[in-house]
Amino acid sequence: MLIELVKIARFPGAPSLADVRTSFGHTAVRWCGDRAAEPGEYHVEWTIDEDIV
């Protein structure tokens, strides 16, 4: 899926959170990609945790 990465928030001892825009809307998600990623468009693969499914 094509997304626009707006920014990545980093917190000590916690996963990075990405502020992203998609064709479905705006959201914050756990970022497992390159921690040095710059804002821009990226093709990503979404994974949904079993407890949410």
N, C-alpha and C. Protein backbone atom coordinates (compact mmCIF):
# COMPACT_ATOMS: atom_id res chain seq x y z
N MET A 1 0.84 -1.17 0.00
CA MET A 1 0.00 0.00 0.00
C MET A 1 0.88 1.23 0.00
N LEU A 2 0.52 2.23 -0.76
CA LEU A 2 1.26 3.48 -0.80
C LEU A 2 0.81 4.37 0.35
N ILE A 3 1.78 4.84 1.14
CA ILE A 3 1.48 5.74 2.25
C ILE A 3 2.39 6.96 2.14
N GLU A 4 2.00 8.02 2.82
CA GLU A 4 2.87 9.19 2.97
C GLU A 4 3.32 9.23 4.42
N LEU A 5 4.62 9.07 4.63
CA LEU A 5 5.19 9.16 5.97
C LEU A 5 5.33 10.64 6.31
N VAL A 6 4.66 11.06 7.37
CA VAL A 6 4.71 12.47 7.79
C VAL A 6 5.89 12.66 8.74
N LYS A 7 5.97 11.81 9.77
CA LYS A 7 7.11 11.87 10.71
C LYS A 7 7.16 10.58 11.51
N ILE A 8 8.31 10.35 12.14
CA ILE A 8 8.50 9.20 13.02
C ILE A 8 8.80 9.73 14.41
N ALA A 9 8.06 9.24 15.40
CA ALA A 9 8.29 9.60 16.80
C ALA A 9 9.05 8.46 17.45
N ARG A 10 10.12 8.80 18.15
CA ARG A 10 10.94 7.80 18.83
C ARG A 10 10.90 8.04 20.33
N PHE A 11 10.68 6.95 21.08
CA PHE A 11 10.62 7.03 22.54
C PHE A 11 11.57 5.99 23.11
N PRO A 12 12.36 6.34 24.12
CA PRO A 12 13.29 5.37 24.70
C PRO A 12 12.56 4.12 25.20
N GLY A 13 13.07 2.96 24.83
CA GLY A 13 12.52 1.70 25.29
C GLY A 13 11.17 1.33 24.70
N ALA A 14 10.73 2.03 23.67
CA ALA A 14 9.43 1.75 23.06
C ALA A 14 9.58 1.71 21.54
N PRO A 15 8.64 1.05 20.86
CA PRO A 15 8.70 1.03 19.39
C PRO A 15 8.51 2.43 18.81
N SER A 16 9.06 2.64 17.63
CA SER A 16 8.86 3.91 16.93
C SER A 16 7.44 3.98 16.41
N LEU A 17 6.86 5.18 16.45
CA LEU A 17 5.52 5.39 15.91
C LEU A 17 5.60 6.30 14.70
N ALA A 18 4.90 5.92 13.64
CA ALA A 18 4.90 6.71 12.42
C ALA A 18 3.56 7.40 12.27
N ASP A 19 3.62 8.66 11.94
CA ASP A 19 2.43 9.44 11.60
C ASP A 19 2.31 9.33 10.08
N VAL A 20 1.25 8.66 9.59
CA VAL A 20 1.13 8.40 8.16
C VAL A 20 -0.23 8.85 7.61
N ARG A 21 -0.24 9.12 6.32
CA ARG A 21 -1.48 9.40 5.60
C ARG A 21 -1.64 8.31 4.54
N THR A 22 -2.87 7.82 4.43
CA THR A 22 -3.18 6.80 3.43
C THR A 22 -4.39 7.25 2.64
N SER A 23 -4.78 6.46 1.66
CA SER A 23 -5.99 6.77 0.90
C SER A 23 -7.23 6.62 1.77
N PHE A 24 -7.10 5.96 2.93
CA PHE A 24 -8.21 5.77 3.86
C PHE A 24 -8.27 6.84 4.94
N GLY A 25 -7.19 7.58 5.12
CA GLY A 25 -7.15 8.61 6.15
C GLY A 25 -5.80 8.71 6.82
N HIS A 26 -5.76 9.37 7.95
CA HIS A 26 -4.55 9.69 8.69
C HIS A 26 -4.51 8.82 9.95
N THR A 27 -3.33 8.27 10.29
CA THR A 27 -3.23 7.43 11.48
C THR A 27 -1.80 7.40 12.00
N ALA A 28 -1.63 6.85 13.19
CA ALA A 28 -0.31 6.59 13.77
C ALA A 28 -0.18 5.08 13.92
N VAL A 29 0.95 4.55 13.48
CA VAL A 29 1.19 3.11 13.52
C VAL A 29 2.60 2.81 13.98
N ARG A 30 2.82 1.59 14.44
CA ARG A 30 4.16 1.16 14.80
C ARG A 30 4.99 1.10 13.53
N TRP A 31 6.19 1.68 13.56
CA TRP A 31 7.06 1.73 12.39
C TRP A 31 8.16 0.70 12.55
N CYS A 32 8.18 -0.29 11.65
CA CYS A 32 9.20 -1.34 11.68
C CYS A 32 10.22 -1.17 10.56
N GLY A 33 10.10 -0.09 9.82
CA GLY A 33 11.01 0.17 8.72
C GLY A 33 12.28 0.86 9.21
N ASP A 34 12.98 1.47 8.28
CA ASP A 34 14.23 2.18 8.56
C ASP A 34 13.96 3.33 9.53
N ARG A 35 14.64 3.32 10.67
CA ARG A 35 14.43 4.36 11.68
C ARG A 35 14.89 5.72 11.19
N ALA A 36 15.72 5.75 10.17
CA ALA A 36 16.22 7.01 9.62
C ALA A 36 15.39 7.47 8.41
N ALA A 37 14.25 6.84 8.18
CA ALA A 37 13.41 7.18 7.03
C ALA A 37 12.99 8.65 7.09
N GLU A 38 13.04 9.28 5.96
CA GLU A 38 12.63 10.69 5.83
C GLU A 38 11.17 10.75 5.41
N PRO A 39 10.50 11.87 5.68
CA PRO A 39 9.13 12.04 5.20
C PRO A 39 9.05 11.84 3.68
N GLY A 40 7.95 11.26 3.23
CA GLY A 40 7.76 11.01 1.80
C GLY A 40 6.86 9.82 1.58
N GLU A 41 6.78 9.40 0.33
CA GLU A 41 5.92 8.27 -0.03
C GLU A 41 6.69 6.96 0.05
N TYR A 42 6.02 5.94 0.59
CA TYR A 42 6.60 4.61 0.72
C TYR A 42 5.54 3.56 0.41
N HIS A 43 5.98 2.45 -0.16
CA HIS A 43 5.10 1.29 -0.28
C HIS A 43 5.36 0.43 0.94
N VAL A 44 4.31 0.10 1.68
CA VAL A 44 4.45 -0.66 2.92
C VAL A 44 3.54 -1.87 2.91
N GLU A 45 3.85 -2.81 3.78
CA GLU A 45 3.01 -3.98 4.00
C GLU A 45 2.44 -3.86 5.41
N TRP A 46 1.13 -3.97 5.54
CA TRP A 46 0.46 -3.85 6.83
C TRP A 46 0.35 -5.23 7.47
N THR A 47 0.55 -5.29 8.76
CA THR A 47 0.32 -6.51 9.54
C THR A 47 -0.62 -6.15 10.68
N ILE A 48 -1.67 -6.93 10.84
CA ILE A 48 -2.64 -6.67 11.91
C ILE A 48 -2.47 -7.74 12.97
N ASP A 49 -2.28 -7.32 14.23
CA ASP A 49 -2.10 -8.26 15.32
C ASP A 49 -3.32 -9.16 15.47
N GLU A 50 -3.08 -10.38 15.88
CA GLU A 50 -4.14 -11.39 16.02
C GLU A 50 -5.25 -10.92 16.96
N ASP A 51 -4.89 -10.24 18.05
CA ASP A 51 -5.93 -9.81 19.00
C ASP A 51 -6.84 -8.73 18.43
N ILE A 52 -6.42 -8.04 17.40
CA ILE A 52 -7.26 -7.03 16.75
C ILE A 52 -8.14 -7.67 15.68
N VAL A 53 -7.62 -8.71 15.02
CA VAL A 53 -8.38 -9.40 13.99
C VAL A 53 -9.63 -9.97 14.59
